[in-house]
C-alpha atoms as a PDB file:
ATOM      1  CA  MET A   1     142.383 191.946  23.335  1.00  0.00           C
ATOM      2  CA  ALA A   2     142.728 195.090  21.238  1.00  0.00           C
ATOM      3  CA  ALA A   3     144.788 197.770  22.896  1.00  0.00           C
ATOM      4  CA  GLU A   4     145.726 201.274  21.894  1.00  0.00           C
ATOM      5  CA  HIS A   5     149.342 200.510  22.786  1.00  0.00           C
ATOM      6  CA  GLU A   6     151.396 197.392  22.105  1.00  0.00           C
ATOM      7  CA  GLN A   7     151.741 195.253  25.227  1.00  0.00           C
ATOM      8  CA  HIS A   8     155.072 193.937  26.421  1.00  0.00           C
ATOM      9  CA  PRO A   9     155.449 190.155  25.862  1.00  0.00           C
ATOM     10  CA  LEU A  10     155.751 189.631  29.620  1.00  0.00           C
ATOM     11  CA  PHE A  11     152.421 191.350  30.346  1.00  0.00           C
ATOM     12  CA  LEU A  12     150.225 188.229  30.629  1.00  0.00           C
ATOM     13  CA  PRO A  13     152.834 186.071  32.421  1.00  0.00           C
ATOM     14  CA  LEU A  14     153.343 188.858  34.985  1.00  0.00           C
ATOM     15  CA  VAL A  15     149.580 189.206  35.465  1.00  0.00           C
ATOM     16  CA  PHE A  16     149.473 185.451  36.111  1.00  0.00           C
ATOM     17  CA  VAL A  17     152.364 185.659  38.609  1.00  0.00           C
ATOM     18  CA  GLY A  18     150.685 188.638  40.307  1.00  0.00           C
ATOM     19  CA  GLY A  19     147.496 186.596  40.648  1.00  0.00           C
ATOM     20  CA  LEU A  20     149.447 183.720  42.176  1.00  0.00           C
ATOM     21  CA  ILE A  21     151.071 186.073  44.698  1.00  0.00           C
ATOM     22  CA  PHE A  22     147.670 187.608  45.502  1.00  0.00           C
ATOM     23  CA  GLY A  23     146.118 184.161  45.964  1.00  0.00           C
ATOM     24  CA  PHE A  24     149.014 183.009  48.134  1.00  0.00           C
ATOM     25  CA  GLY A  25     148.633 186.132  50.272  1.00  0.00           C
ATOM     26  CA  LEU A  26     144.917 185.494  50.704  1.00  0.00           C
ATOM     27  CA  GLY A  27     145.568 181.895  51.681  1.00  0.00           C
ATOM     28  CA  PHE A  28     148.431 182.787  54.037  1.00  0.00           C
ATOM     29  CA  SER A  29     146.350 185.462  55.781  1.00  0.00           C
ATOM     30  CA  HIS A  30     143.356 183.066  56.037  1.00  0.00           C
ATOM     31  CA  MET A  31     141.213 185.522  54.067  1.00  0.00           C
ATOM     32  CA  ALA A  32     140.315 182.743  51.603  1.00  0.00           C
ATOM     33  CA  GLN A  33     138.282 181.029  54.324  1.00  0.00           C
ATOM     34  CA  PRO A  34     134.591 181.996  54.240  1.00  0.00           C
ATOM     35  CA  GLU A  35     134.360 181.645  58.025  1.00  0.00           C
ATOM     36  CA  VAL A  36     136.878 184.468  58.509  1.00  0.00           C
ATOM     37  CA  VAL A  37     135.006 186.740  56.104  1.00  0.00           C
ATOM     38  CA  LEU A  38     131.625 185.948  57.656  1.00  0.00           C
ATOM     39  CA  ASN A  39     133.022 186.676  61.139  1.00  0.00           C
ATOM     40  CA  PHE A  40     134.171 190.053  59.812  1.00  0.00           C
ATOM     41  CA  LEU A  41     130.753 190.799  58.326  1.00  0.00           C
ATOM     42  CA  GLN A  42     129.159 189.922  61.689  1.00  0.00           C
ATOM     43  CA  PHE A  43     131.568 192.292  63.516  1.00  0.00           C
ATOM     44  CA  GLU A  44     133.216 189.413  65.392  1.00  0.00           C
ATOM     45  CA  ASP A  45     136.717 189.518  63.848  1.00  0.00           C
ATOM     46  CA  PHE A  46     138.347 192.618  62.369  1.00  0.00           C
ATOM     47  CA  GLY A  47     141.418 190.910  60.899  1.00  0.00           C
ATOM     48  CA  LEU A  48     140.060 191.390  57.368  1.00  0.00           C
ATOM     49  CA  LEU A  49     139.847 195.127  58.004  1.00  0.00           C
ATOM     50  CA  PHE A  50     143.557 195.258  58.809  1.00  0.00           C
ATOM     51  CA  VAL A  51     144.451 193.169  55.750  1.00  0.00           C
ATOM     52  CA  MET A  52     142.383 195.431  53.476  1.00  0.00           C
ATOM     53  CA  PHE A  53     143.812 198.576  55.086  1.00  0.00           C
ATOM     54  CA  GLY A  54     147.372 197.277  54.664  1.00  0.00           C
ATOM     55  CA  ALA A  55     146.707 196.440  51.016  1.00  0.00           C
ATOM     56  CA  ALA A  56     145.179 199.870  50.404  1.00  0.00           C
ATOM     57  CA  VAL A  57     148.203 201.624  51.942  1.00  0.00           C
ATOM     58  CA  VAL A  58     150.704 199.607  49.896  1.00  0.00           C
ATOM     59  CA  THR A  59     148.674 200.136  46.709  1.00  0.00           C
ATOM     60  CA  GLY A  60     148.281 203.859  47.355  1.00  0.00           C
ATOM     61  CA  ILE A  61     151.980 204.362  47.965  1.00  0.00           C
ATOM     62  CA  THR A  62     152.843 202.310  44.881  1.00  0.00           C
ATOM     63  CA  PHE A  63     150.494 204.191  42.569  1.00  0.00           C
ATOM     64  CA  PHE A  64     151.615 207.549  43.936  1.00  0.00           C
ATOM     65  CA  GLY A  65     155.297 206.616  43.690  1.00  0.00           C
ATOM     66  CA  VAL A  66     155.151 205.152  40.208  1.00  0.00           C
ATOM     67  CA  LYS A  67     153.425 208.248  38.841  1.00  0.00           C
ATOM     68  CA  GLN A  68     156.307 210.369  40.167  1.00  0.00           C
ATOM     69  CA  PHE A  69     158.844 208.454  38.057  1.00  0.00           C
ATOM     70  CA  ARG A  70     156.883 207.333  34.994  1.00  0.00           C
ATOM     71  CA  SER A  71     154.104 208.824  32.924  1.00  0.00           C
ATOM     72  CA  GLU A  72     153.069 205.532  31.343  1.00  0.00           C
ATOM     73  CA  ALA A  73     152.680 201.922  32.395  1.00  0.00           C
ATOM     74  CA  PRO A  74     155.874 199.924  31.804  1.00  0.00           C
ATOM     75  CA  LEU A  75     154.270 196.837  30.263  1.00  0.00           C
ATOM     76  CA  THR A  76     151.410 198.370  28.260  1.00  0.00           C
ATOM     77  CA  GLY A  77     152.634 201.862  27.448  1.00  0.00           C
ATOM     78  CA  ALA A  78     149.232 203.271  28.450  1.00  0.00           C
ATOM     79  CA  ILE A  79     149.330 206.727  30.019  1.00  0.00           C
ATOM     80  CA  TYR A  80     148.369 206.815  33.681  1.00  0.00           C
ATOM     81  CA  GLY A  81     145.154 208.631  34.327  1.00  0.00           C
ATOM     82  CA  ARG A  82     141.933 208.515  36.272  1.00  0.00           C
ATOM     83  CA  ARG A  83     138.976 206.756  34.774  1.00  0.00           C
ATOM     84  CA  LEU A  84     135.980 208.378  36.357  1.00  0.00           C
ATOM     85  CA  LYS A  85     132.657 206.603  36.207  1.00  0.00           C
ATOM     86  CA  THR A  86     129.347 208.122  37.110  1.00  0.00           C
ATOM     87  CA  LEU A  87     127.355 206.764  40.012  1.00  0.00           C
ATOM     88  CA  ASP A  88     124.183 205.506  38.409  1.00  0.00           C
ATOM     89  CA  LYS A  89     121.533 202.913  39.196  1.00  0.00           C
ATOM     90  CA  ASN A  90     123.539 200.132  37.518  1.00  0.00           C
ATOM     91  CA  VAL A  91     126.474 200.758  39.858  1.00  0.00           C
ATOM     92  CA  VAL A  92     124.214 200.782  42.919  1.00  0.00           C
ATOM     93  CA  ILE A  93     122.291 197.657  41.872  1.00  0.00           C
ATOM     94  CA  GLY A  94     125.464 195.812  40.852  1.00  0.00           C
ATOM     95  CA  GLY A  95     127.169 196.765  44.107  1.00  0.00           C
ATOM     96  CA  GLY A  96     124.143 195.547  46.052  1.00  0.00           C
ATOM     97  CA  ILE A  97     124.119 192.202  44.239  1.00  0.00           C
ATOM     98  CA  PHE A  98     127.872 191.863  44.765  1.00  0.00           C
ATOM     99  CA  GLY A  99     127.484 192.611  48.481  1.00  0.00           C
ATOM    100  CA  VAL A 100     124.650 190.137  48.948  1.00  0.00           C
ATOM    101  CA  GLY A 101     126.631 187.443  47.127  1.00  0.00           C
ATOM    102  CA  TRP A 102     129.693 188.234  49.217  1.00  0.00           C
ATOM    103  CA  GLY A 103     127.656 188.004  52.410  1.00  0.00           C
ATOM    104  CA  LEU A 104     125.907 184.761  51.432  1.00  0.00           C
ATOM    105  CA  SER A 105     129.015 182.936  50.253  1.00  0.00           C
ATOM    106  CA  GLY A 106     131.446 184.562  52.681  1.00  0.00           C
ATOM    107  CA  ILE A 107     133.931 185.179  49.929  1.00  0.00           C
ATOM    108  CA  CYS A 108     134.542 187.723  47.175  1.00  0.00           C
ATOM    109  CA  PRO A 109     135.270 186.618  43.583  1.00  0.00           C
ATOM    110  CA  GLY A 110     139.061 186.975  43.782  1.00  0.00           C
ATOM    111  CA  ALA A 111     139.308 185.097  47.040  1.00  0.00           C
ATOM    112  CA  ALA A 112     136.967 182.372  45.774  1.00  0.00           C
ATOM    113  CA  TYR A 113     139.688 181.018  43.502  1.00  0.00           C
ATOM    114  CA  ALA A 114     142.239 181.256  46.312  1.00  0.00           C
ATOM    115  CA  SER A 115     139.758 179.376  48.494  1.00  0.00           C
ATOM    116  CA  LEU A 116     139.916 176.502  46.019  1.00  0.00           C
ATOM    117  CA  GLY A 117     143.671 176.512  46.511  1.00  0.00           C
ATOM    118  CA  VAL A 118     143.305 175.982  50.256  1.00  0.00           C
ATOM    119  CA  GLY A 119     140.992 173.013  49.722  1.00  0.00           C
ATOM    120  CA  ASN A 120     137.514 174.518  49.928  1.00  0.00           C
ATOM    121  CA  ILE A 121     135.760 172.564  47.181  1.00  0.00           C
ATOM    122  CA  PHE A 122     132.335 173.774  48.290  1.00  0.00           C
ATOM    123  CA  ILE A 123     133.208 177.235  46.971  1.00  0.00           C
ATOM    124  CA  LEU A 124     132.596 175.742  43.514  1.00  0.00           C
ATOM    125  CA  TYR A 125     128.891 176.471  44.134  1.00  0.00           C
ATOM    126  CA  GLY A 126     129.729 180.136  44.620  1.00  0.00           C
ATOM    127  CA  ILE A 127     131.989 180.203  41.567  1.00  0.00           C
ATOM    128  CA  ALA A 128     129.220 178.587  39.502  1.00  0.00           C
ATOM    129  CA  GLY A 129     126.864 181.282  40.776  1.00  0.00           C
ATOM    130  CA  MET A 130     129.337 183.980  39.690  1.00  0.00           C
ATOM    131  CA  PHE A 131     129.486 182.515  36.182  1.00  0.00           C
ATOM    132  CA  VAL A 132     125.687 182.251  35.946  1.00  0.00           C
ATOM    133  CA  GLY A 133     125.304 185.818  37.214  1.00  0.00           C
ATOM    134  CA  ALA A 134     127.902 187.120  34.748  1.00  0.00           C
ATOM    135  CA  TYR A 135     126.196 185.300  31.882  1.00  0.00           C
ATOM    136  CA  VAL A 136     122.742 186.597  32.822  1.00  0.00           C
ATOM    137  CA  GLN A 137     124.077 190.149  33.178  1.00  0.00           C
ATOM    138  CA  GLY A 138     125.861 189.922  29.799  1.00  0.00           C
ATOM    139  CA  TYR A 139     122.769 188.526  28.106  1.00  0.00           C
ATOM    140  CA  TRP A 140     120.559 191.216  29.675  1.00  0.00           C
ATOM    141  CA  ARG A 141     122.967 193.984  28.723  1.00  0.00           C
ATOM    142  CA  SER A 142     123.356 192.828  25.109  1.00  0.00           C
ATOM    143  CA  ALA A 143     119.583 192.493  24.736  1.00  0.00           C
ATOM    144  CA  ARG A 144     119.118 195.966  26.192  1.00  0.00           C
ATOM    145  CA  THR A 145     121.829 197.434  23.934  1.00  0.00           C
ATOM    146  CA  GLU A 146     120.263 195.862  20.836  1.00  0.00           C
ATOM    147  CA  SER A 147     116.829 197.248  21.703  1.00  0.00           C
ATOM    148  CA  GLU A 148     118.289 200.753  22.207  1.00  0.00           C
ATOM    149  CA  SER A 149     120.411 200.786  19.033  1.00  0.00           C
ATOM    150  CA  PRO A 150     119.428 203.147  16.174  1.00  0.00           C
ATOM    151  CA  ALA A 151     118.957 200.193  13.810  1.00  0.00           C
ATOM    152  CA  ALA A 152     116.347 198.687  16.124  1.00  0.00           C
ATOM    153  CA  ALA A 153     114.599 202.045  16.393  1.00  0.00           C
ATOM    154  CA  ALA A 154     114.426 202.333  12.570  1.00  0.00           C
ATOM    155  CA  ASP A 155     112.546 199.018  12.223  1.00  0.00           C
END
């Protein structure tokens, strides 16, 4: 992992602890259960909406507050800034695939691992699908990049 700034030695352990807290929160709020997510997507239960709204408020306040006191991230030293991405066909297609997968499995990638923690072993099919999809996308992208490179055009 090459970084422009040296990372603090506690960076990866704190990321791990943050993931554990996130997973515990998903399990505690029952958002790691596909049935809850599917009920939300079918407009039968809006609990997920309140959980997501609460998380967005806490995150927004945190990011706003931290930027008032610090100009760079404490563990990486990277300067805070917006990373704007253009809305292109890859974003739309990828978002569509993500949404269909979320709707079919009833769980998003982060919550899939938390779902394992609450005993849902059947989510392993969904996790396997995520890995296959990531591999296919990576293979497709690297093949496309190689065909568009100047060296390939010179041949």
